[in-house]
Amino acid sequence: MPTTIRRTDAPVVHATDRLASSSHHFLRHVECRAGSDGLLLEGKVPTYFLKQPAQSLVLSVDGVDRVINRLVVVNPYGVSSDATV
């Protein structure tokens, strides 16, 4: 269920805008939410190496002190890096 963005959620809005304007296509679809411990990133990216740029982009937003990076790496075949054998 999407979180309603309030005027006080400016860091979430700015972080979302920063990801939406990224040169990395897949980062444009990452979701940001305010969590109890910091800014929460959720979604799927095709490589592990895109997790760090997403986190770096939102950490540069005023008011974001901590990021909980819950991005899942999914290859083109839809197999998650979190899958267990």
Protein backbone atom coordinates (compact mmCIF):
# COMPACT_ATOMS: atom_id res chain seq x y z
CA MET A 1 0.00 0.00 0.00
CA PRO A 2 1.58 3.35 -1.02
CA THR A 3 2.38 5.84 1.69
CA THR A 4 0.63 9.20 1.41
CA ILE A 5 3.22 11.94 1.04
CA ARG A 6 2.64 14.89 3.33
CA ARG A 7 4.24 18.32 3.17
CA THR A 8 6.54 17.25 6.05
CA ASP A 9 7.91 14.43 3.86
CA ALA A 10 10.08 16.80 1.81
CA PRO A 11 13.13 14.50 1.97
CA VAL A 12 11.04 11.67 0.47
CA VAL A 13 9.83 13.93 -2.33
CA HIS A 14 13.33 15.23 -3.06
CA ALA A 15 14.85 11.73 -2.94
CA THR A 16 12.17 10.43 -5.31
CA ASP A 17 12.82 13.34 -7.68
CA ARG A 18 16.56 12.72 -7.57
CA LEU A 19 16.10 9.04 -8.48
CA ALA A 20 13.55 9.90 -11.18
CA SER A 21 16.06 12.17 -12.89
CA SER A 22 18.90 9.63 -12.71
CA SER A 23 20.76 8.66 -15.87
CA HIS A 24 20.31 5.03 -14.77
CA HIS A 25 16.94 3.95 -16.17
CA PHE A 26 16.34 1.34 -13.46
CA LEU A 27 16.84 3.84 -10.64
CA ARG A 28 13.89 5.84 -11.95
CA HIS A 29 11.59 3.07 -10.71
CA VAL A 30 12.97 2.78 -7.17
CA GLU A 31 10.45 3.65 -4.47
CA CYS A 32 11.28 5.86 -1.49
CA ARG A 33 9.35 5.90 1.77
CA ALA A 34 9.92 7.37 5.17
CA GLY A 35 10.63 4.55 7.59
CA SER A 36 10.93 4.66 11.35
CA ASP A 37 14.74 4.34 11.08
CA GLY A 38 15.36 6.42 7.95
CA LEU A 39 14.59 6.61 4.26
CA LEU A 40 13.56 3.25 2.84
CA LEU A 41 14.52 2.26 -0.73
CA GLU A 42 12.51 -0.56 -2.31
CA GLY A 43 12.33 -2.02 -5.78
CA LYS A 44 14.34 -4.08 -8.23
CA VAL A 45 17.59 -3.37 -10.03
CA PRO A 46 19.40 -5.60 -12.56
CA THR A 47 22.83 -5.51 -10.89
CA TYR A 48 24.31 -5.24 -7.45
CA PHE A 49 26.32 -2.23 -8.65
CA LEU A 50 23.15 -0.12 -9.04
CA LYS A 51 22.27 -0.45 -5.36
CA GLN A 52 25.10 1.86 -4.29
CA PRO A 53 24.33 4.74 -6.73
CA ALA A 54 20.71 4.69 -5.58
CA GLN A 55 21.79 4.97 -1.97
CA SER A 56 24.34 7.70 -2.74
CA LEU A 57 21.79 9.78 -4.65
CA VAL A 58 19.31 9.87 -1.79
CA LEU A 59 21.94 10.34 0.94
CA SER A 60 22.82 13.64 -0.69
CA VAL A 61 19.28 14.97 -0.03
CA ASP A 62 18.91 17.41 2.88
CA GLY A 63 17.12 15.75 5.78
CA VAL A 64 18.19 12.20 4.85
CA ASP A 65 20.55 10.90 7.51
CA ARG A 66 20.09 7.15 7.10
CA VAL A 67 19.06 4.91 4.21
CA ILE A 68 17.64 1.41 4.53
CA ASN A 69 18.47 -0.14 1.17
CA ARG A 70 16.02 -2.95 0.42
CA LEU A 71 16.64 -3.01 -3.30
CA VAL A 72 16.60 -6.52 -4.74
CA VAL A 73 18.92 -7.54 -7.55
CA VAL A 74 17.00 -9.36 -10.26
CA ASN A 75 18.71 -10.53 -13.43
CA PRO A 76 17.03 -10.30 -16.87
CA TYR A 77 15.56 -13.75 -16.32
CA GLY A 78 13.73 -12.65 -13.19
CA VAL A 79 15.93 -14.58 -10.75
CA SER A 80 16.53 -12.71 -7.52
CA SER A 81 19.84 -12.58 -5.69
CA ASP A 82 17.78 -13.28 -2.56
CA ALA A 83 16.58 -16.63 -3.88
CA THR A 84 17.55 -19.65 -1.81
CA VAL A 85 18.43 -22.98 -3.33
